[in-house]
Amino acid sequence: MTVPPDTANAAGTSVLVVEDDHSIATQLVRALARGGYQVDHVVTGQEALRWGDPDVVLLDLELPDTDGVHVCRQLRQRSAAAIIVVTAYGEESDRVTALDAGADDYLVKPFGLSELMARIRAVLRRVRPDGDIIRHGPLVVDLRTRKVTVSGQEVPLTPKEFDILECLAADPGRVQGRQEILEAAWDANWYGPTKVLDVHVAALRRKLGQPGLIENVYGRGFRLGDF
């Protein structure tokens, strides 16, 4: 278990995953980290209540030490964090109870990672209106409207081109593997040819008007460089 940070990383959004199923938690932490979030994971409700002040809490209701609804209520009393309940309980009464306890959203397992990311962006829009904007030099990526501008000029992109750019822009400078980008832009179980990625990256470079912006790191993948 990592030590709770004193303050959240000012460069990104901090997410606390409260989940006792380690296989689920591992997937969530990996996906969120790839999305550019600062992620921490705890197993129990008491750990969650002792944590710092994350921007978003992903809260399982079935915790080993206490009732998840109680944890939700306690978190809401002391924190302005966006709380998304992530649980296998899908009955209307369960949803109502969690929402009345202070949850901002409710997601039933199993769910897709793309839907989870969309839910996080949605709750952040309510608590932090500028939370869907990624800026990198003159490049601005609006995740809500899925619009991209360079020096104020809109750049029309296809859905896949946008998804690739979103993946790279979430963590500029970090090399992201081909499979990682394919999973983010296509599907978590993508097994097709990776050459399709090169075709889309080439089109993306051309449209952005900066061929060197998306760097090909031989044998490793791609990264978003400097303008």
C-alpha atoms as a PDB file:
ATOM      1  CA  MET A   1       0.000   0.000   0.000  1.00  0.00           C
ATOM      2  CA  THR A   2       1.330   3.408  -0.913  1.00  0.00           C
ATOM      3  CA  VAL A   3       1.543   6.239   1.589  1.00  0.00           C
ATOM      4  CA  PRO A   4      -1.263   8.808   1.240  1.00  0.00           C
ATOM      5  CA  PRO A   5       0.012  11.903  -0.513  1.00  0.00           C
ATOM      6  CA  ASP A   6      -0.024  15.199   1.345  1.00  0.00           C
ATOM      7  CA  THR A   7      -1.475  16.950  -1.651  1.00  0.00           C
ATOM      8  CA  ALA A   8      -2.840  15.869  -5.008  1.00  0.00           C
ATOM      9  CA  ASN A   9      -0.657  16.223  -8.057  1.00  0.00           C
ATOM     10  CA  ALA A  10      -1.430  19.715  -9.355  1.00  0.00           C
ATOM     11  CA  ALA A  11      -0.725  18.567 -12.907  1.00  0.00           C
ATOM     12  CA  GLY A  12      -3.600  16.082 -12.954  1.00  0.00           C
ATOM     13  CA  THR A  13      -6.705  14.717 -11.319  1.00  0.00           C
ATOM     14  CA  SER A  14      -6.330  12.383  -8.347  1.00  0.00           C
ATOM     15  CA  VAL A  15      -8.528   9.290  -8.129  1.00  0.00           C
ATOM     16  CA  LEU A  16      -8.880   7.006  -5.116  1.00  0.00           C
ATOM     17  CA  VAL A  17     -10.048   3.469  -5.925  1.00  0.00           C
ATOM     18  CA  VAL A  18     -11.769   1.808  -2.953  1.00  0.00           C
ATOM     19  CA  GLU A  19     -12.040  -1.827  -4.007  1.00  0.00           C
ATOM     20  CA  ASP A  20     -11.217  -5.099  -2.213  1.00  0.00           C
ATOM     21  CA  ASP A  21     -11.201  -7.262  -5.358  1.00  0.00           C
ATOM     22  CA  HIS A  22      -7.581  -7.001  -6.432  1.00  0.00           C
ATOM     23  CA  SER A  23      -8.183  -8.162 -10.011  1.00  0.00           C
ATOM     24  CA  ILE A  24     -10.774  -5.423 -10.552  1.00  0.00           C
ATOM     25  CA  ALA A  25      -8.665  -2.844  -8.737  1.00  0.00           C
ATOM     26  CA  THR A  26      -5.605  -3.663 -10.873  1.00  0.00           C
ATOM     27  CA  GLN A  27      -7.569  -3.104 -14.083  1.00  0.00           C
ATOM     28  CA  LEU A  28      -9.010   0.161 -12.820  1.00  0.00           C
ATOM     29  CA  VAL A  29      -5.672   1.510 -11.614  1.00  0.00           C
ATOM     30  CA  ARG A  30      -3.945   0.612 -14.879  1.00  0.00           C
ATOM     31  CA  ALA A  31      -6.682   2.130 -17.053  1.00  0.00           C
ATOM     32  CA  LEU A  32      -6.887   5.329 -15.016  1.00  0.00           C
ATOM     33  CA  ALA A  33      -3.118   5.762 -14.976  1.00  0.00           C
ATOM     34  CA  ARG A  34      -3.068   5.369 -18.736  1.00  0.00           C
ATOM     35  CA  GLY A  35      -5.713   8.051 -18.913  1.00  0.00           C
ATOM     36  CA  GLY A  36      -3.408  10.491 -17.176  1.00  0.00           C
ATOM     37  CA  TYR A  37      -4.954  10.301 -13.702  1.00  0.00           C
ATOM     38  CA  GLN A  38      -2.991  10.120 -10.467  1.00  0.00           C
ATOM     39  CA  VAL A  39      -4.336   6.911  -8.934  1.00  0.00           C
ATOM     40  CA  ASP A  40      -4.214   5.364  -5.474  1.00  0.00           C
ATOM     41  CA  HIS A  41      -5.874   2.208  -4.224  1.00  0.00           C
ATOM     42  CA  VAL A  42      -7.175   1.171  -0.809  1.00  0.00           C
ATOM     43  CA  VAL A  43      -9.024  -1.965   0.221  1.00  0.00           C
ATOM     44  CA  THR A  44     -11.144  -0.959   3.207  1.00  0.00           C
ATOM     45  CA  GLY A  45     -13.588   1.755   4.105  1.00  0.00           C
ATOM     46  CA  GLN A  46     -11.492   2.874   7.051  1.00  0.00           C
ATOM     47  CA  GLU A  47      -8.490   3.396   4.771  1.00  0.00           C
ATOM     48  CA  ALA A  48     -10.652   5.471   2.462  1.00  0.00           C
ATOM     49  CA  LEU A  49     -11.838   7.654   5.344  1.00  0.00           C
ATOM     50  CA  ARG A  50      -8.247   8.188   6.514  1.00  0.00           C
ATOM     51  CA  TRP A  51      -7.031   9.143   3.048  1.00  0.00           C
ATOM     52  CA  GLY A  52      -6.301  12.671   1.896  1.00  0.00           C
ATOM     53  CA  ASP A  53      -8.611  14.645  -0.373  1.00  0.00           C
ATOM     54  CA  PRO A  54      -8.773  13.116  -3.872  1.00  0.00           C
ATOM     55  CA  ASP A  55     -10.698  14.706  -6.711  1.00  0.00           C
ATOM     56  CA  VAL A  56     -12.630  11.509  -7.472  1.00  0.00           C
ATOM     57  CA  VAL A  57     -13.469   8.443  -5.382  1.00  0.00           C
ATOM     58  CA  LEU A  58     -14.468   5.167  -7.044  1.00  0.00           C
ATOM     59  CA  LEU A  59     -16.249   3.401  -4.207  1.00  0.00           C
ATOM     60  CA  ASP A  60     -17.275  -0.239  -4.043  1.00  0.00           C
ATOM     61  CA  LEU A  61     -20.207  -0.802  -1.678  1.00  0.00           C
ATOM     62  CA  GLU A  62     -19.204  -4.327  -0.644  1.00  0.00           C
ATOM     63  CA  LEU A  63     -16.180  -3.666   1.554  1.00  0.00           C
ATOM     64  CA  PRO A  64     -14.604  -6.128   4.005  1.00  0.00           C
ATOM     65  CA  ASP A  65     -14.750  -3.914   7.084  1.00  0.00           C
ATOM     66  CA  THR A  66     -17.797  -1.653   6.834  1.00  0.00           C
ATOM     67  CA  ASP A  67     -20.860  -0.745   4.806  1.00  0.00           C
ATOM     68  CA  GLY A  68     -19.978   1.168   1.640  1.00  0.00           C
ATOM     69  CA  VAL A  69     -23.020   3.422   1.983  1.00  0.00           C
ATOM     70  CA  HIS A  70     -21.769   4.497   5.416  1.00  0.00           C
ATOM     71  CA  VAL A  71     -18.369   5.282   3.901  1.00  0.00           C
ATOM     72  CA  CYS A  72     -20.056   7.285   1.149  1.00  0.00           C
ATOM     73  CA  ARG A  73     -22.026   9.303   3.696  1.00  0.00           C
ATOM     74  CA  GLN A  74     -18.913   9.984   5.789  1.00  0.00           C
ATOM     75  CA  LEU A  75     -16.879  11.021   2.751  1.00  0.00           C
ATOM     76  CA  ARG A  76     -19.577  13.412   1.612  1.00  0.00           C
ATOM     77  CA  GLN A  77     -19.727  15.080   5.019  1.00  0.00           C
ATOM     78  CA  ARG A  78     -16.033  15.955   4.982  1.00  0.00           C
ATOM     79  CA  SER A  79     -15.088  16.137   1.301  1.00  0.00           C
ATOM     80  CA  ALA A  80     -16.106  17.775  -1.959  1.00  0.00           C
ATOM     81  CA  ALA A  81     -14.707  14.850  -3.957  1.00  0.00           C
ATOM     82  CA  ALA A  82     -16.804  13.465  -6.781  1.00  0.00           C
ATOM     83  CA  ILE A  83     -17.984  10.046  -5.595  1.00  0.00           C
ATOM     84  CA  ILE A  84     -18.848   7.343  -8.117  1.00  0.00           C
ATOM     85  CA  VAL A  85     -20.228   4.150  -6.626  1.00  0.00           C
ATOM     86  CA  VAL A  86     -18.945   1.101  -8.509  1.00  0.00           C
ATOM     87  CA  THR A  87     -20.808  -2.012  -7.413  1.00  0.00           C
ATOM     88  CA  ALA A  88     -22.507  -5.242  -8.407  1.00  0.00           C
ATOM     89  CA  TYR A  89     -25.740  -4.081  -6.748  1.00  0.00           C
ATOM     90  CA  GLY A  90     -28.063  -2.855  -9.483  1.00  0.00           C
ATOM     91  CA  GLU A  91     -31.466  -2.617  -7.847  1.00  0.00           C
ATOM     92  CA  GLU A  92     -33.234   0.746  -7.880  1.00  0.00           C
ATOM     93  CA  SER A  93     -33.348   0.798  -4.083  1.00  0.00           C
ATOM     94  CA  ASP A  94     -29.544   0.386  -3.936  1.00  0.00           C
ATOM     95  CA  ARG A  95     -29.061   3.275  -6.359  1.00  0.00           C
ATOM     96  CA  VAL A  96     -31.423   5.525  -4.423  1.00  0.00           C
ATOM     97  CA  THR A  97     -29.722   4.711  -1.119  1.00  0.00           C
ATOM     98  CA  ALA A  98     -26.245   5.470  -2.489  1.00  0.00           C
ATOM     99  CA  LEU A  99     -27.312   8.680  -4.209  1.00  0.00           C
ATOM    100  CA  ASP A 100     -29.107   9.856  -1.071  1.00  0.00           C
ATOM    101  CA  ALA A 101     -25.902   9.152   0.874  1.00  0.00           C
ATOM    102  CA  GLY A 102     -24.052  11.631  -1.325  1.00  0.00           C
ATOM    103  CA  ALA A 103     -22.844   9.687  -4.364  1.00  0.00           C
ATOM    104  CA  ASP A 104     -22.613  11.718  -7.569  1.00  0.00           C
ATOM    105  CA  ASP A 105     -23.027   8.720  -9.868  1.00  0.00           C
ATOM    106  CA  TYR A 106     -23.653   4.980  -9.772  1.00  0.00           C
ATOM    107  CA  LEU A 107     -22.094   2.370 -12.062  1.00  0.00           C
ATOM    108  CA  VAL A 108     -23.059  -1.312 -12.012  1.00  0.00           C
ATOM    109  CA  LYS A 109     -20.492  -4.062 -12.611  1.00  0.00           C
ATOM    110  CA  PRO A 110     -19.569  -5.292 -15.133  1.00  0.00           C
ATOM    111  CA  PHE A 111     -18.985  -2.102 -17.089  1.00  0.00           C
ATOM    112  CA  GLY A 112     -16.740  -0.890 -19.901  1.00  0.00           C
ATOM    113  CA  LEU A 113     -13.697   1.219 -19.148  1.00  0.00           C
ATOM    114  CA  SER A 114     -14.795   3.768 -21.751  1.00  0.00           C
ATOM    115  CA  GLU A 115     -18.076   4.244 -19.887  1.00  0.00           C
ATOM    116  CA  LEU A 116     -16.206   4.649 -16.605  1.00  0.00           C
ATOM    117  CA  MET A 117     -13.944   7.322 -18.107  1.00  0.00           C
ATOM    118  CA  ALA A 118     -17.005   9.123 -19.469  1.00  0.00           C
ATOM    119  CA  ARG A 119     -18.680   9.009 -16.046  1.00  0.00           C
ATOM    120  CA  ILE A 120     -15.559  10.466 -14.416  1.00  0.00           C
ATOM    121  CA  ARG A 121     -15.414  13.271 -16.964  1.00  0.00           C
ATOM    122  CA  ALA A 122     -19.116  13.962 -16.423  1.00  0.00           C
ATOM    123  CA  VAL A 123     -18.865  14.304 -12.647  1.00  0.00           C
ATOM    124  CA  LEU A 124     -15.737  16.438 -12.985  1.00  0.00           C
ATOM    125  CA  ARG A 125     -17.610  18.795 -15.293  1.00  0.00           C
ATOM    126  CA  ARG A 126     -20.050  19.423 -12.484  1.00  0.00           C
ATOM    127  CA  VAL A 127     -17.412  20.112  -9.838  1.00  0.00           C
ATOM    128  CA  ARG A 128     -14.668  21.529 -12.063  1.00  0.00           C
ATOM    129  CA  PRO A 129     -16.000  23.009 -15.315  1.00  0.00           C
ATOM    130  CA  ASP A 130     -12.566  23.147 -16.993  1.00  0.00           C
ATOM    131  CA  GLY A 131     -11.757  19.525 -16.135  1.00  0.00           C
ATOM    132  CA  ASP A 132     -12.319  18.280 -19.678  1.00  0.00           C
ATOM    133  CA  ILE A 133      -9.704  20.490 -21.315  1.00  0.00           C
ATOM    134  CA  ILE A 134      -6.179  19.230 -22.095  1.00  0.00           C
ATOM    135  CA  ARG A 135      -3.706  21.925 -23.131  1.00  0.00           C
ATOM    136  CA  HIS A 136      -0.289  21.240 -24.640  1.00  0.00           C
ATOM    137  CA  GLY A 137       1.319  24.347 -26.061  1.00  0.00           C
ATOM    138  CA  PRO A 138      -1.005  25.661 -28.796  1.00  0.00           C
ATOM    139  CA  LEU A 139      -2.856  22.321 -28.838  1.00  0.00           C
ATOM    140  CA  VAL A 140      -6.200  22.224 -27.008  1.00  0.00           C
ATOM    141  CA  VAL A 141      -8.166  18.978 -26.706  1.00  0.00           C
ATOM    142  CA  ASP A 142     -11.733  19.352 -25.446  1.00  0.00           C
ATOM    143  CA  LEU A 143     -12.819  15.935 -24.158  1.00  0.00           C
ATOM    144  CA  ARG A 144     -16.458  16.929 -23.705  1.00  0.00           C
ATOM    145  CA  THR A 145     -17.096  18.274 -27.186  1.00  0.00           C
ATOM    146  CA  ARG A 146     -14.349  16.122 -28.786  1.00  0.00           C
ATOM    147  CA  LYS A 147     -12.990  19.173 -30.563  1.00  0.00           C
ATOM    148  CA  VAL A 148      -9.318  19.904 -31.202  1.00  0.00           C
ATOM    149  CA  THR A 149      -7.748  23.258 -31.958  1.00  0.00           C
ATOM    150  CA  VAL A 150      -4.195  24.283 -32.792  1.00  0.00           C
ATOM    151  CA  SER A 151      -3.416  27.973 -32.268  1.00  0.00           C
ATOM    152  CA  GLY A 152      -7.159  28.631 -32.129  1.00  0.00           C
ATOM    153  CA  GLN A 153      -7.931  26.872 -35.418  1.00  0.00           C
ATOM    154  CA  GLU A 154     -10.199  23.832 -35.215  1.00  0.00           C
ATOM    155  CA  VAL A 155      -8.745  20.605 -36.593  1.00  0.00           C
ATOM    156  CA  PRO A 156     -11.409  18.138 -37.808  1.00  0.00           C
ATOM    157  CA  LEU A 157     -10.538  14.601 -36.712  1.00  0.00           C
ATOM    158  CA  THR A 158     -12.171  11.206 -37.134  1.00  0.00           C
ATOM    159  CA  PRO A 159     -13.310   9.464 -33.924  1.00  0.00           C
ATOM    160  CA  LYS A 160     -10.291   7.140 -33.927  1.00  0.00           C
ATOM    161  CA  GLU A 161      -7.861   9.989 -34.566  1.00  0.00           C
ATOM    162  CA  PHE A 162      -9.352  11.866 -31.643  1.00  0.00           C
ATOM    163  CA  ASP A 163      -9.103   8.818 -29.370  1.00  0.00           C
ATOM    164  CA  ILE A 164      -5.426   8.357 -30.264  1.00  0.00           C
ATOM    165  CA  LEU A 165      -4.679  12.023 -29.632  1.00  0.00           C
ATOM    166  CA  GLU A 166      -6.580  11.961 -26.334  1.00  0.00           C
ATOM    167  CA  CYS A 167      -4.503   8.982 -25.213  1.00  0.00           C
ATOM    168  CA  LEU A 168      -1.214  10.700 -26.083  1.00  0.00           C
ATOM    169  CA  ALA A 169      -2.194  14.153 -24.810  1.00  0.00           C
ATOM    170  CA  ALA A 170      -3.237  12.780 -21.415  1.00  0.00           C
ATOM    171  CA  ASP A 171       0.448  12.292 -20.556  1.00  0.00           C
ATOM    172  CA  PRO A 172       2.694  14.251 -22.955  1.00  0.00           C
ATOM    173  CA  GLY A 173       6.260  13.016 -23.151  1.00  0.00           C
ATOM    174  CA  ARG A 174       5.532   9.507 -21.906  1.00  0.00           C
ATOM    175  CA  VAL A 175       6.117   6.726 -24.407  1.00  0.00           C
ATOM    176  CA  GLN A 176       2.909   4.751 -24.854  1.00  0.00           C
ATOM    177  CA  GLY A 177       3.077   1.286 -26.357  1.00  0.00           C
ATOM    178  CA  ARG A 178       1.214   0.338 -29.512  1.00  0.00           C
ATOM    179  CA  GLN A 179      -0.999  -2.128 -27.683  1.00  0.00           C
ATOM    180  CA  GLU A 180      -1.780   0.434 -25.009  1.00  0.00           C
ATOM    181  CA  ILE A 181      -2.949   2.962 -27.609  1.00  0.00           C
ATOM    182  CA  LEU A 182      -4.900   0.330 -29.522  1.00  0.00           C
ATOM    183  CA  GLU A 183      -6.704  -0.710 -26.342  1.00  0.00           C
ATOM    184  CA  ALA A 184      -7.564   2.920 -25.567  1.00  0.00           C
ATOM    185  CA  ALA A 185      -8.731   3.818 -29.080  1.00  0.00           C
ATOM    186  CA  TRP A 186     -10.208   0.560 -30.268  1.00  0.00           C
ATOM    187  CA  ASP A 187     -10.898  -2.118 -27.688  1.00  0.00           C
ATOM    188  CA  ALA A 188      -9.373  -3.623 -24.568  1.00  0.00           C
ATOM    189  CA  ASN A 189      -9.209  -6.976 -26.386  1.00  0.00           C
ATOM    190  CA  TRP A 190      -7.807  -5.726 -29.704  1.00  0.00           C
ATOM    191  CA  TYR A 191      -5.935  -8.492 -31.523  1.00  0.00           C
ATOM    192  CA  GLY A 192      -5.883  -7.063 -35.034  1.00  0.00           C
ATOM    193  CA  PRO A 193      -2.847  -5.778 -36.976  1.00  0.00           C
ATOM    194  CA  THR A 194      -1.044  -2.883 -35.326  1.00  0.00           C
ATOM    195  CA  LYS A 195      -0.364  -1.316 -38.746  1.00  0.00           C
ATOM    196  CA  VAL A 196      -3.812   0.259 -38.554  1.00  0.00           C
ATOM    197  CA  LEU A 197      -2.386   2.505 -35.843  1.00  0.00           C
ATOM    198  CA  ASP A 198       0.372   3.783 -38.151  1.00  0.00           C
ATOM    199  CA  VAL A 199      -2.193   4.772 -40.771  1.00  0.00           C
ATOM    200  CA  HIS A 200      -4.205   6.806 -38.265  1.00  0.00           C
ATOM    201  CA  VAL A 201      -1.112   8.392 -36.702  1.00  0.00           C
ATOM    202  CA  ALA A 202       0.106   9.482 -40.141  1.00  0.00           C
ATOM    203  CA  ALA A 203      -3.258  11.143 -40.848  1.00  0.00           C
ATOM    204  CA  LEU A 204      -3.248  12.751 -37.402  1.00  0.00           C
ATOM    205  CA  ARG A 205       0.226  14.216 -37.934  1.00  0.00           C
ATOM    206  CA  ARG A 206      -0.821  15.649 -41.275  1.00  0.00           C
ATOM    207  CA  LYS A 207      -3.999  17.229 -39.912  1.00  0.00           C
ATOM    208  CA  LEU A 208      -2.267  18.774 -36.902  1.00  0.00           C
ATOM    209  CA  GLY A 209       0.261  20.356 -39.255  1.00  0.00           C
ATOM    210  CA  GLN A 210       3.139  19.264 -37.033  1.00  0.00           C
ATOM    211  CA  PRO A 211       4.638  16.022 -38.414  1.00  0.00           C
ATOM    212  CA  GLY A 212       7.160  15.798 -35.588  1.00  0.00           C
ATOM    213  CA  LEU A 213       4.651  16.336 -32.787  1.00  0.00           C
ATOM    214  CA  ILE A 214       3.790  12.642 -32.488  1.00  0.00           C
ATOM    215  CA  GLU A 215       7.137  10.932 -32.110  1.00  0.00           C
ATOM    216  CA  ASN A 216       7.727   7.307 -33.067  1.00  0.00           C
ATOM    217  CA  VAL A 217       9.998   5.689 -30.467  1.00  0.00           C
ATOM    218  CA  TYR A 218      11.439   2.674 -32.267  1.00  0.00           C
ATOM    219  CA  GLY A 219      10.454  -0.638 -30.739  1.00  0.00           C
ATOM    220  CA  ARG A 220       8.417   0.977 -27.985  1.00  0.00           C
ATOM    221  CA  GLY A 221       5.527   3.092 -29.324  1.00  0.00           C
ATOM    222  CA  PHE A 222       4.585   6.756 -29.617  1.00  0.00           C
ATOM    223  CA  ARG A 223       4.689   9.876 -27.493  1.00  0.00           C
ATOM    224  CA  LEU A 224       3.506  13.454 -27.802  1.00  0.00           C
ATOM    225  CA  GLY A 225       6.510  15.708 -28.132  1.00  0.00           C
ATOM    226  CA  ASP A 226       6.906  19.472 -27.891  1.00  0.00           C
ATOM    227  CA  PHE A 227       5.792  21.973 -30.501  1.00  0.00           C
END
